[in-house]
Amino acid sequence: MFDQYIEKCKSKMLEAINSLNKDIDSISTGRARPNLLDPVKVEVYGSFMPISQLATISIADSNTINIQIWDNSNIKAVEKAIIDSNIGFSPISEGSLIRINIPKLSEERRKDMCKLAKKYGEDKKVSIRNIRRDIIDNFKKDEELSSSKDNIHGFTTIIQNITDDFSSQIDSIVNSKEKELMSV
C-alpha cells in the first residue's frame, strides 16, 4: 500500500548517502589515494577533463601519487590544473611523469578535516530530513491512501524509522572518517 512512497524515499536517501561517501572520500587523510585528484579538471582539447582521462594515476608509496601523462603536450596543463585546484599539492614534473608528494597532516589540519567531515554529514542529514518531509507531504496529498489518520500515522512511523536508519549510516560514515583522520 505504501510501497511506492517507501521505495522512492529509500532511493532518494541512498542518493544522499552516495553523495556523502563521495564528499568524504575527497577529504585528504595524509595518505596517497588516486581519488584525491578527482576534483581536478584539466583544460585540454578545448574542454575540461578529469586527470584520469589524460593519464594513468598510480600510488608509488603511502605518500606519493604518480601521474603518467599519455600525451606529453598535456604535462603543463595537468601541472597547472593541480596547482590551480587549491587542493594543497605541489606537482613535481619528471619528463612525462608527474609526482605529487602528499604532506603529512598536522594535528590542527586533522581537526579541520574532521570538522569538514562533520559538516558534510550534517548537510546530508538535512537533505534526508527534507526528503522525509517531502515524502510525507506527498503521501498526505494522495487522498486514496491518506484517508484515515491511522494510515497517515503508520506511514509517518515507517518513514521516520527509515530516516533514523539513514541518519545512523551517516553518523557511522563520519565517525569512520574521523577515526581514519585522527590515527597517525
Protein backbone atom coordinates (compact mmCIF):
# COMPACT_ATOMS: atom_id res chain seq x y z
CA MET A 1 0.00 0.00 0.00
CA PHE A 2 2.78 2.44 0.92
CA ASP A 3 5.41 0.67 -1.19
CA GLN A 4 5.85 3.27 -3.93
CA TYR A 5 6.42 6.03 -1.37
CA ILE A 6 8.78 3.91 0.72
CA GLU A 7 10.86 2.90 -2.32
CA LYS A 8 11.06 6.50 -3.51
CA CYS A 9 12.12 7.58 -0.01
CA LYS A 10 14.83 4.91 0.25
CA SER A 11 16.09 5.66 -3.26
CA LYS A 12 16.46 9.39 -2.60
CA MET A 13 18.07 8.82 0.80
CA LEU A 14 20.50 6.34 -0.75
CA GLU A 15 21.49 9.04 -3.25
CA ALA A 16 22.30 11.31 -0.28
CA ILE A 17 24.44 8.56 1.29
CA ASN A 18 26.29 8.00 -2.01
CA SER A 19 26.89 11.73 -2.30
CA LEU A 20 28.23 11.81 1.27
CA ASN A 21 30.61 8.93 0.52
CA LYS A 22 31.94 10.83 -2.47
CA ASP A 23 32.39 14.01 -0.40
CA ILE A 24 34.05 12.12 2.46
CA ASP A 25 36.41 10.31 0.08
CA SER A 26 37.63 13.67 -1.24
CA ILE A 27 38.93 14.63 2.23
CA SER A 28 42.69 14.15 2.43
CA THR A 29 43.91 11.91 5.22
CA GLY A 30 47.60 12.44 4.58
CA ARG A 31 47.79 9.17 2.64
CA ALA A 32 48.10 8.92 -1.12
CA ARG A 33 44.90 7.84 -2.91
CA PRO A 34 44.11 8.26 -6.61
CA ASN A 35 40.68 9.75 -5.90
CA LEU A 36 42.31 12.78 -4.23
CA LEU A 37 42.73 14.11 -7.77
CA ASP A 38 39.08 13.55 -8.77
CA PRO A 39 38.07 17.21 -8.25
CA VAL A 40 40.89 18.41 -10.54
CA LYS A 41 39.76 19.25 -14.07
CA VAL A 42 42.35 19.93 -16.77
CA GLU A 43 41.68 22.33 -19.65
CA VAL A 44 42.80 20.48 -22.79
CA TYR A 45 41.45 19.99 -26.29
CA GLY A 46 39.00 22.86 -25.78
CA SER A 47 37.23 21.39 -22.76
CA PHE A 48 37.75 20.41 -19.13
CA MET A 49 38.64 16.77 -18.46
CA PRO A 50 39.48 14.78 -15.33
CA ILE A 51 43.13 13.76 -15.00
CA SER A 52 42.10 10.10 -15.18
CA GLN A 53 41.17 10.63 -18.86
CA LEU A 54 44.61 12.04 -19.66
CA ALA A 55 46.94 9.87 -17.64
CA THR A 56 47.47 6.77 -15.54
CA ILE A 57 47.28 7.57 -11.83
CA SER A 58 49.12 5.22 -9.50
CA ILE A 59 50.34 5.12 -5.92
CA ALA A 60 54.12 4.86 -5.52
CA ASP A 61 54.01 4.67 -1.72
CA SER A 62 51.77 5.87 1.11
CA ASN A 63 52.77 9.50 0.49
CA THR A 64 53.31 9.70 -3.28
CA ILE A 65 50.96 9.76 -6.25
CA ASN A 66 52.44 9.19 -9.72
CA ILE A 67 50.69 10.58 -12.79
CA GLN A 68 51.95 9.12 -16.08
CA ILE A 69 50.74 11.52 -18.79
CA TRP A 70 49.87 9.83 -22.09
CA ASP A 71 50.33 12.89 -24.30
CA ASN A 72 53.42 14.97 -23.42
CA SER A 73 51.74 18.13 -24.73
CA ASN A 74 49.35 17.96 -21.73
CA ILE A 75 52.01 17.94 -18.99
CA LYS A 76 51.96 21.71 -18.35
CA ALA A 77 48.15 21.79 -18.41
CA VAL A 78 47.94 18.98 -15.81
CA GLU A 79 50.51 20.70 -13.57
CA LYS A 80 48.63 24.00 -13.84
CA ALA A 81 45.29 22.34 -13.06
CA ILE A 82 46.71 20.67 -9.93
CA ILE A 83 48.19 23.95 -8.68
CA ASP A 84 45.06 25.99 -9.54
CA SER A 85 42.71 23.49 -7.87
CA ASN A 86 43.83 24.63 -4.38
CA ILE A 87 43.95 21.09 -3.01
CA GLY A 88 47.34 21.81 -1.47
CA PHE A 89 49.56 19.64 -3.67
CA SER A 90 52.75 20.69 -5.46
CA PRO A 91 53.40 18.66 -8.61
CA ILE A 92 56.97 17.69 -9.50
CA SER A 93 57.48 17.06 -13.22
CA GLU A 94 59.96 14.41 -14.37
CA GLY A 95 59.50 14.10 -18.12
CA SER A 96 56.07 12.58 -18.80
CA LEU A 97 55.74 11.61 -15.12
CA ILE A 98 54.32 13.97 -12.52
CA ARG A 99 54.89 13.13 -8.85
CA ILE A 100 52.80 14.52 -6.04
CA ASN A 101 54.07 14.18 -2.50
CA ILE A 102 51.20 14.18 -0.03
CA PRO A 103 52.19 16.22 3.01
CA LYS A 104 51.61 14.74 6.46
CA LEU A 105 48.65 16.37 8.17
CA SER A 106 49.32 18.45 11.24
CA GLU A 107 47.10 17.97 14.29
CA GLU A 108 45.34 21.24 13.51
CA ARG A 109 44.75 20.22 9.89
CA ARG A 110 43.40 16.84 11.02
CA LYS A 111 40.90 18.62 13.27
CA ASP A 112 39.89 20.89 10.40
CA MET A 113 39.32 17.84 8.19
CA CYS A 114 37.20 16.27 10.96
CA LYS A 115 35.09 19.44 11.10
CA LEU A 116 34.68 19.29 7.34
CA ALA A 117 33.57 15.64 7.55
CA LYS A 118 31.03 16.57 10.25
CA LYS A 119 29.76 19.44 8.10
CA TYR A 120 29.27 17.10 5.15
CA GLY A 121 27.42 14.69 7.45
CA GLU A 122 25.15 17.41 8.84
CA ASP A 123 24.38 18.68 5.33
CA LYS A 124 23.30 15.18 4.29
CA LYS A 125 21.20 14.77 7.43
CA VAL A 126 19.37 17.97 6.47
CA SER A 127 18.86 16.51 2.98
CA ILE A 128 17.46 13.31 4.46
CA ARG A 129 15.07 15.23 6.72
CA ASN A 130 13.91 17.26 3.72
CA ILE A 131 13.32 14.05 1.77
CA ARG A 132 11.30 12.70 4.73
CA ARG A 133 9.20 15.87 4.84
CA ASP A 134 8.58 15.85 1.07
CA ILE A 135 7.59 12.16 1.02
CA ILE A 136 5.17 12.61 3.93
CA ASP A 137 3.67 15.74 2.32
CA ASN A 138 3.19 13.89 -0.98
CA PHE A 139 1.60 10.97 0.85
CA LYS A 140 -0.85 13.28 2.61
CA LYS A 141 -1.86 14.72 -0.78
CA ASP A 142 -2.71 11.20 -2.00
CA GLU A 143 -6.39 11.16 -0.99
CA GLU A 144 -6.78 7.43 -1.59
CA LEU A 145 -4.04 6.41 0.88
CA SER A 146 -4.26 9.23 3.40
CA SER A 147 -7.99 8.93 4.00
CA SER A 148 -7.54 7.76 7.61
CA LYS A 149 -5.40 9.09 10.43
CA ASP A 150 -4.22 5.54 11.12
CA ASN A 151 -2.76 5.32 7.61
CA ILE A 152 -1.01 8.67 8.00
CA HIS A 153 0.36 7.75 11.43
CA GLY A 154 1.53 4.31 10.27
CA PHE A 155 3.19 5.73 7.19
CA THR A 156 4.86 8.53 9.15
CA THR A 157 6.25 5.99 11.62
CA ILE A 158 7.67 3.83 8.81
CA ILE A 159 9.28 6.84 7.11
CA GLN A 160 10.71 8.06 10.42
CA ASN A 161 12.29 4.64 11.03
CA ILE A 162 13.85 4.73 7.56
CA THR A 163 15.10 8.26 8.23
CA ASP A 164 16.63 7.16 11.54
CA ASP A 165 18.40 4.24 9.80
CA PHE A 166 19.92 6.51 7.15
CA SER A 167 20.86 9.08 9.78
CA SER A 168 22.71 6.33 11.68
CA GLN A 169 24.52 5.37 8.47
CA ILE A 170 25.65 8.99 8.09
CA ASP A 171 26.94 9.03 11.68
CA SER A 172 28.81 5.80 11.04
CA ILE A 173 30.44 7.12 7.85
CA VAL A 174 31.51 10.37 9.53
CA ASN A 175 32.81 8.59 12.65
CA SER A 176 34.81 6.18 10.50
CA LYS A 177 36.42 9.08 8.61
CA GLU A 178 37.21 10.86 11.90
CA LYS A 179 38.97 7.76 13.21
CA GLU A 180 40.92 7.48 9.97
CA LEU A 181 41.92 11.16 10.15
CA MET A 182 42.97 11.08 13.79
CA SER A 183 45.06 7.91 13.53
CA VAL A 184 48.65 8.93 12.95
